[in-house]
Amino acid sequence: MNLAQIEIAVDKEMVQRSLDNMVRDYTRPRLLLCDIDELKRITCMSPSSLERHILHDPRVKQHERRVGERGKRYWIYEPVEKAILEIIDELE
């Protein structure tokens, strides 16, 4: 009887990145909308800085929603999060 020998190569860095991504996705709260207070919290920026650098950008503006004509502003969380990261990279 012949025994087969099997070798498995594992890229430890790729496995670590995958695990890190899974943990980050699992532990990150799932938000549908965010308001200016949440944007302040996640960016550590003041409302005036958010207005000046982030909120008037068309990539963010397109995801803005308002309840009523003069109501509170909300933003769709996931696309705005991605847009903010792009904008911040461009500000450097």
C-alpha atoms as a PDB file:
ATOM      1  CA  MET A   1       0.000   0.000   0.000  1.00  0.00           C
ATOM      2  CA  ASN A   2       1.411   3.366  -1.082  1.00  0.00           C
ATOM      3  CA  LEU A   3       0.855   6.414   1.066  1.00  0.00           C
ATOM      4  CA  ALA A   4       0.287   9.766  -0.611  1.00  0.00           C
ATOM      5  CA  GLN A   5       2.113  12.798   0.648  1.00  0.00           C
ATOM      6  CA  ILE A   6       0.316  16.111   0.516  1.00  0.00           C
ATOM      7  CA  GLU A   7       1.927  19.515   0.980  1.00  0.00           C
ATOM      8  CA  ILE A   8      -0.055  22.645   1.674  1.00  0.00           C
ATOM      9  CA  ALA A   9       1.495  26.092   1.324  1.00  0.00           C
ATOM     10  CA  VAL A  10      -0.102  28.802   3.451  1.00  0.00           C
ATOM     11  CA  ASP A  11       0.509  32.491   2.953  1.00  0.00           C
ATOM     12  CA  LYS A  12       0.431  33.656   6.571  1.00  0.00           C
ATOM     13  CA  GLU A  13       0.103  37.339   5.657  1.00  0.00           C
ATOM     14  CA  MET A  14      -2.913  36.672   3.437  1.00  0.00           C
ATOM     15  CA  VAL A  15      -4.565  34.597   6.165  1.00  0.00           C
ATOM     16  CA  GLN A  16      -3.874  37.334   8.732  1.00  0.00           C
ATOM     17  CA  ARG A  17      -5.346  40.031   6.445  1.00  0.00           C
ATOM     18  CA  SER A  18      -8.429  37.921   5.830  1.00  0.00           C
ATOM     19  CA  LEU A  19      -8.921  37.321   9.546  1.00  0.00           C
ATOM     20  CA  ASP A  20      -8.387  41.013  10.324  1.00  0.00           C
ATOM     21  CA  ASN A  21     -10.990  41.987   7.698  1.00  0.00           C
ATOM     22  CA  MET A  22     -13.491  39.449   9.020  1.00  0.00           C
ATOM     23  CA  VAL A  23     -13.050  40.642  12.616  1.00  0.00           C
ATOM     24  CA  ARG A  24     -13.321  44.314  11.570  1.00  0.00           C
ATOM     25  CA  ASP A  25     -16.482  43.639   9.538  1.00  0.00           C
ATOM     26  CA  TYR A  26     -18.033  41.573  12.320  1.00  0.00           C
ATOM     27  CA  THR A  27     -17.324  44.074  15.108  1.00  0.00           C
ATOM     28  CA  ARG A  28     -18.161  47.227  13.148  1.00  0.00           C
ATOM     29  CA  PRO A  29     -21.668  48.474  13.847  1.00  0.00           C
ATOM     30  CA  ARG A  30     -24.012  48.319  10.888  1.00  0.00           C
ATOM     31  CA  LEU A  31     -25.393  51.786  10.326  1.00  0.00           C
ATOM     32  CA  LEU A  32     -27.905  52.732   7.693  1.00  0.00           C
ATOM     33  CA  LEU A  33     -27.875  56.499   8.213  1.00  0.00           C
ATOM     34  CA  CYS A  34     -25.676  58.934  10.086  1.00  0.00           C
ATOM     35  CA  ASP A  35     -26.182  62.512  11.181  1.00  0.00           C
ATOM     36  CA  ILE A  36     -23.703  65.331  11.733  1.00  0.00           C
ATOM     37  CA  ASP A  37     -22.998  64.113  15.283  1.00  0.00           C
ATOM     38  CA  GLU A  38     -22.072  60.644  14.044  1.00  0.00           C
ATOM     39  CA  LEU A  39     -19.886  62.159  11.306  1.00  0.00           C
ATOM     40  CA  LYS A  40     -18.149  64.291  13.943  1.00  0.00           C
ATOM     41  CA  ARG A  41     -17.525  61.160  16.024  1.00  0.00           C
ATOM     42  CA  ILE A  42     -16.183  58.957  13.256  1.00  0.00           C
ATOM     43  CA  THR A  43     -13.992  61.657  11.669  1.00  0.00           C
ATOM     44  CA  CYS A  44     -12.922  63.578  14.799  1.00  0.00           C
ATOM     45  CA  MET A  45     -13.647  66.761  12.832  1.00  0.00           C
ATOM     46  CA  SER A  46     -15.589  69.809  13.948  1.00  0.00           C
ATOM     47  CA  PRO A  47     -18.887  70.649  12.248  1.00  0.00           C
ATOM     48  CA  SER A  48     -17.274  73.620  10.504  1.00  0.00           C
ATOM     49  CA  SER A  49     -14.436  71.438   9.154  1.00  0.00           C
ATOM     50  CA  LEU A  50     -16.934  68.836   7.984  1.00  0.00           C
ATOM     51  CA  GLU A  51     -18.950  71.515   6.189  1.00  0.00           C
ATOM     52  CA  ARG A  52     -15.853  73.077   4.620  1.00  0.00           C
ATOM     53  CA  HIS A  53     -14.012  69.916   3.528  1.00  0.00           C
ATOM     54  CA  ILE A  54     -16.525  67.057   3.355  1.00  0.00           C
ATOM     55  CA  LEU A  55     -20.236  67.802   3.254  1.00  0.00           C
ATOM     56  CA  HIS A  56     -20.282  70.074   0.188  1.00  0.00           C
ATOM     57  CA  ASP A  57     -18.329  67.582  -1.915  1.00  0.00           C
ATOM     58  CA  PRO A  58     -20.619  66.092  -4.619  1.00  0.00           C
ATOM     59  CA  ARG A  59     -19.557  62.550  -3.636  1.00  0.00           C
ATOM     60  CA  VAL A  60     -21.085  63.149  -0.195  1.00  0.00           C
ATOM     61  CA  LYS A  61     -23.863  65.546  -1.183  1.00  0.00           C
ATOM     62  CA  GLN A  62     -25.526  62.928  -3.403  1.00  0.00           C
ATOM     63  CA  HIS A  63     -26.111  60.726  -0.335  1.00  0.00           C
ATOM     64  CA  GLU A  64     -27.632  63.477   1.815  1.00  0.00           C
ATOM     65  CA  ARG A  65     -31.248  63.098   2.830  1.00  0.00           C
ATOM     66  CA  ARG A  66     -33.450  65.529   4.714  1.00  0.00           C
ATOM     67  CA  VAL A  67     -36.626  64.822   6.635  1.00  0.00           C
ATOM     68  CA  GLY A  68     -38.956  67.652   5.616  1.00  0.00           C
ATOM     69  CA  GLU A  69     -38.049  70.815   3.779  1.00  0.00           C
ATOM     70  CA  ARG A  70     -35.990  72.275   6.627  1.00  0.00           C
ATOM     71  CA  GLY A  71     -35.508  69.108   8.660  1.00  0.00           C
ATOM     72  CA  LYS A  72     -32.448  67.413  10.007  1.00  0.00           C
ATOM     73  CA  ARG A  73     -29.880  66.184   7.486  1.00  0.00           C
ATOM     74  CA  TYR A  74     -28.883  62.513   7.307  1.00  0.00           C
ATOM     75  CA  TRP A  75     -26.383  60.710   5.073  1.00  0.00           C
ATOM     76  CA  ILE A  76     -26.432  57.124   3.816  1.00  0.00           C
ATOM     77  CA  TYR A  77     -23.603  55.662   5.863  1.00  0.00           C
ATOM     78  CA  GLU A  78     -21.650  53.214   3.689  1.00  0.00           C
ATOM     79  CA  PRO A  79     -21.177  55.291   0.509  1.00  0.00           C
ATOM     80  CA  VAL A  80     -20.445  58.399   2.581  1.00  0.00           C
ATOM     81  CA  GLU A  81     -17.822  56.517   4.582  1.00  0.00           C
ATOM     82  CA  LYS A  82     -16.065  55.552   1.334  1.00  0.00           C
ATOM     83  CA  ALA A  83     -16.370  59.089  -0.060  1.00  0.00           C
ATOM     84  CA  ILE A  84     -14.914  60.599   3.121  1.00  0.00           C
ATOM     85  CA  LEU A  85     -11.893  58.308   2.905  1.00  0.00           C
ATOM     86  CA  GLU A  86     -11.330  59.380  -0.720  1.00  0.00           C
ATOM     87  CA  ILE A  87     -11.663  63.063   0.175  1.00  0.00           C
ATOM     88  CA  ILE A  88      -9.297  62.769   3.145  1.00  0.00           C
ATOM     89  CA  ASP A  89      -6.693  61.082   0.927  1.00  0.00           C
ATOM     90  CA  GLU A  90      -6.948  63.985  -1.496  1.00  0.00           C
ATOM     91  CA  LEU A  91      -6.507  66.583   1.283  1.00  0.00           C
ATOM     92  CA  GLU A  92      -3.059  65.298   2.219  1.00  0.00           C
END
